[in-house]
N, C-alpha and C. Protein backbone atom coordinates (compact mmCIF):
# COMPACT_ATOMS: atom_id res chain seq x y z
N UNK A 1 -14.38 -123.20 41.06
CA UNK A 1 -14.75 -122.94 42.45
C UNK A 1 -13.57 -122.37 43.23
N UNK A 2 -12.37 -122.91 42.96
CA UNK A 2 -11.18 -122.43 43.66
C UNK A 2 -10.90 -120.96 43.33
N UNK A 3 -11.10 -120.59 42.04
CA UNK A 3 -10.88 -119.20 41.62
C UNK A 3 -11.87 -118.27 42.33
N UNK A 4 -13.13 -118.68 42.44
CA UNK A 4 -14.14 -117.85 43.10
C UNK A 4 -13.80 -117.65 44.56
N UNK A 5 -13.32 -118.70 45.23
CA UNK A 5 -12.95 -118.59 46.64
C UNK A 5 -11.76 -117.64 46.80
N UNK A 6 -10.77 -117.75 45.92
CA UNK A 6 -9.61 -116.86 45.99
C UNK A 6 -10.01 -115.42 45.70
N UNK A 7 -10.94 -115.20 44.78
CA UNK A 7 -11.39 -113.85 44.48
C UNK A 7 -12.10 -113.25 45.69
N UNK A 8 -12.92 -114.04 46.37
CA UNK A 8 -13.61 -113.54 47.56
C UNK A 8 -12.62 -113.23 48.67
N UNK A 9 -11.59 -114.02 48.81
CA UNK A 9 -10.59 -113.75 49.83
C UNK A 9 -9.79 -112.49 49.49
N UNK A 10 -9.50 -112.28 48.21
CA UNK A 10 -8.78 -111.07 47.80
C UNK A 10 -9.62 -109.83 48.03
N UNK A 11 -10.92 -109.93 47.84
CA UNK A 11 -11.81 -108.79 47.98
C UNK A 11 -11.87 -108.30 49.42
N UNK A 12 -11.70 -109.19 50.37
CA UNK A 12 -11.82 -108.83 51.78
C UNK A 12 -10.48 -108.79 52.51
N UNK A 13 -9.38 -108.60 51.77
CA UNK A 13 -8.07 -108.49 52.40
C UNK A 13 -8.00 -107.14 53.11
N UNK A 14 -7.42 -107.14 54.29
CA UNK A 14 -7.22 -105.87 55.00
C UNK A 14 -5.73 -105.71 55.29
N UNK A 15 -5.29 -104.47 55.30
CA UNK A 15 -3.88 -104.15 55.52
C UNK A 15 -3.72 -103.47 56.87
N UNK A 16 -2.62 -103.76 57.52
CA UNK A 16 -2.33 -103.18 58.81
C UNK A 16 -1.48 -101.94 58.60
N UNK A 17 -2.02 -100.77 58.93
CA UNK A 17 -1.29 -99.51 58.84
C UNK A 17 -1.08 -98.99 60.26
N UNK A 18 -0.01 -99.39 60.86
CA UNK A 18 0.22 -99.05 62.26
C UNK A 18 -0.74 -99.84 63.12
N UNK A 19 -1.57 -99.14 63.88
CA UNK A 19 -2.56 -99.82 64.71
C UNK A 19 -3.92 -99.88 64.05
N UNK A 20 -4.05 -99.35 62.85
CA UNK A 20 -5.32 -99.29 62.14
C UNK A 20 -5.34 -100.37 61.07
N UNK A 21 -6.44 -101.09 60.98
CA UNK A 21 -6.61 -102.10 59.95
C UNK A 21 -7.56 -101.55 58.89
N UNK A 22 -7.07 -101.50 57.63
CA UNK A 22 -7.81 -100.88 56.55
C UNK A 22 -8.08 -101.93 55.48
N UNK A 23 -9.32 -102.01 55.00
CA UNK A 23 -9.63 -102.98 53.95
C UNK A 23 -9.18 -102.43 52.60
N UNK A 24 -9.00 -103.33 51.64
CA UNK A 24 -8.56 -102.88 50.32
C UNK A 24 -9.65 -102.11 49.60
N UNK A 25 -10.91 -102.34 49.94
CA UNK A 25 -12.00 -101.55 49.34
C UNK A 25 -11.89 -100.08 49.76
N UNK A 26 -11.52 -99.83 51.00
CA UNK A 26 -11.32 -98.46 51.47
C UNK A 26 -10.16 -97.79 50.74
N UNK A 27 -9.10 -98.54 50.52
CA UNK A 27 -7.94 -98.00 49.80
C UNK A 27 -8.31 -97.68 48.36
N UNK A 28 -9.10 -98.54 47.73
CA UNK A 28 -9.53 -98.31 46.35
C UNK A 28 -10.42 -97.07 46.26
N UNK A 29 -11.34 -96.91 47.19
CA UNK A 29 -12.23 -95.73 47.20
C UNK A 29 -11.42 -94.45 47.40
N UNK A 30 -10.45 -94.48 48.32
CA UNK A 30 -9.60 -93.30 48.53
C UNK A 30 -8.78 -92.99 47.28
N UNK A 31 -8.30 -94.01 46.58
CA UNK A 31 -7.53 -93.79 45.36
C UNK A 31 -8.40 -93.18 44.27
N UNK A 32 -9.65 -93.61 44.16
CA UNK A 32 -10.56 -93.05 43.16
C UNK A 32 -10.85 -91.59 43.46
N UNK A 33 -11.16 -91.26 44.71
CA UNK A 33 -11.43 -89.87 45.07
C UNK A 33 -10.18 -89.00 44.89
N UNK A 34 -9.01 -89.53 45.23
CA UNK A 34 -7.77 -88.77 45.07
C UNK A 34 -7.48 -88.49 43.61
N UNK A 35 -7.67 -89.50 42.76
CA UNK A 35 -7.40 -89.29 41.33
C UNK A 35 -8.41 -88.32 40.73
N UNK A 36 -9.68 -88.39 41.16
CA UNK A 36 -10.68 -87.46 40.68
C UNK A 36 -10.32 -86.03 41.08
N UNK A 37 -9.87 -85.83 42.32
CA UNK A 37 -9.47 -84.51 42.78
C UNK A 37 -8.25 -84.02 42.01
N UNK A 38 -7.28 -84.89 41.79
CA UNK A 38 -6.08 -84.52 41.05
C UNK A 38 -6.42 -84.09 39.63
N UNK A 39 -7.31 -84.83 38.96
CA UNK A 39 -7.71 -84.48 37.60
C UNK A 39 -8.48 -83.16 37.58
N UNK A 40 -9.37 -82.94 38.56
CA UNK A 40 -10.14 -81.70 38.62
C UNK A 40 -9.24 -80.50 38.83
N UNK A 41 -8.26 -80.61 39.71
CA UNK A 41 -7.33 -79.50 39.94
C UNK A 41 -6.47 -79.27 38.70
N UNK A 42 -6.07 -80.33 38.03
CA UNK A 42 -5.29 -80.19 36.80
C UNK A 42 -6.06 -79.46 35.71
N UNK A 43 -7.33 -79.82 35.52
CA UNK A 43 -8.17 -79.16 34.52
C UNK A 43 -8.37 -77.69 34.87
N UNK A 44 -8.64 -77.42 36.14
CA UNK A 44 -8.84 -76.05 36.58
C UNK A 44 -7.58 -75.21 36.39
N UNK A 45 -6.44 -75.77 36.73
CA UNK A 45 -5.17 -75.04 36.56
C UNK A 45 -4.88 -74.80 35.09
N UNK A 46 -5.17 -75.78 34.25
CA UNK A 46 -4.94 -75.62 32.81
C UNK A 46 -5.83 -74.51 32.24
N UNK A 47 -7.10 -74.48 32.67
CA UNK A 47 -8.00 -73.43 32.18
C UNK A 47 -7.56 -72.05 32.66
N UNK A 48 -7.09 -71.96 33.90
CA UNK A 48 -6.60 -70.69 34.42
C UNK A 48 -5.37 -70.23 33.65
N UNK A 49 -4.43 -71.14 33.42
CA UNK A 49 -3.22 -70.80 32.67
C UNK A 49 -3.57 -70.39 31.23
N UNK A 50 -4.50 -71.11 30.63
CA UNK A 50 -4.91 -70.80 29.26
C UNK A 50 -5.58 -69.43 29.19
N UNK A 51 -6.40 -69.09 30.18
CA UNK A 51 -7.05 -67.78 30.18
C UNK A 51 -6.05 -66.65 30.41
N UNK A 52 -4.97 -66.90 31.15
CA UNK A 52 -3.96 -65.87 31.33
C UNK A 52 -3.15 -65.65 30.07
N UNK A 53 -2.90 -66.72 29.31
CA UNK A 53 -2.14 -66.60 28.07
C UNK A 53 -2.97 -65.90 27.00
N UNK A 54 -4.24 -66.22 26.91
CA UNK A 54 -5.11 -65.68 25.84
C UNK A 54 -5.79 -64.38 26.24
N UNK A 55 -5.26 -63.67 27.23
CA UNK A 55 -5.88 -62.43 27.67
C UNK A 55 -5.79 -61.37 26.58
N UNK A 56 -6.86 -60.63 26.41
CA UNK A 56 -6.92 -59.60 25.36
C UNK A 56 -6.12 -58.38 25.83
N UNK A 57 -5.11 -57.98 25.07
CA UNK A 57 -4.24 -56.85 25.44
C UNK A 57 -4.80 -55.51 25.00
N UNK A 58 -5.88 -55.48 24.25
CA UNK A 58 -6.42 -54.20 23.76
C UNK A 58 -7.13 -53.40 24.85
N UNK A 59 -7.47 -54.01 25.97
CA UNK A 59 -8.17 -53.33 27.06
C UNK A 59 -7.24 -52.36 27.76
N UNK A 60 -5.98 -52.69 27.94
CA UNK A 60 -5.05 -51.83 28.69
C UNK A 60 -4.46 -50.79 27.84
């Protein structure tokens, strides 16, 4: 029972960022979206770089 109570309290912890109070769920959601964007840009950049390296030189 004590563990369940502590888990519920951890789930609803909020952090003070200046004058704004942000819950940890909001921080987790922002981290997920940020990592998804970072991975998508990385994949796109890798494909662009790979297409520039493997360009067919017989056209020019």
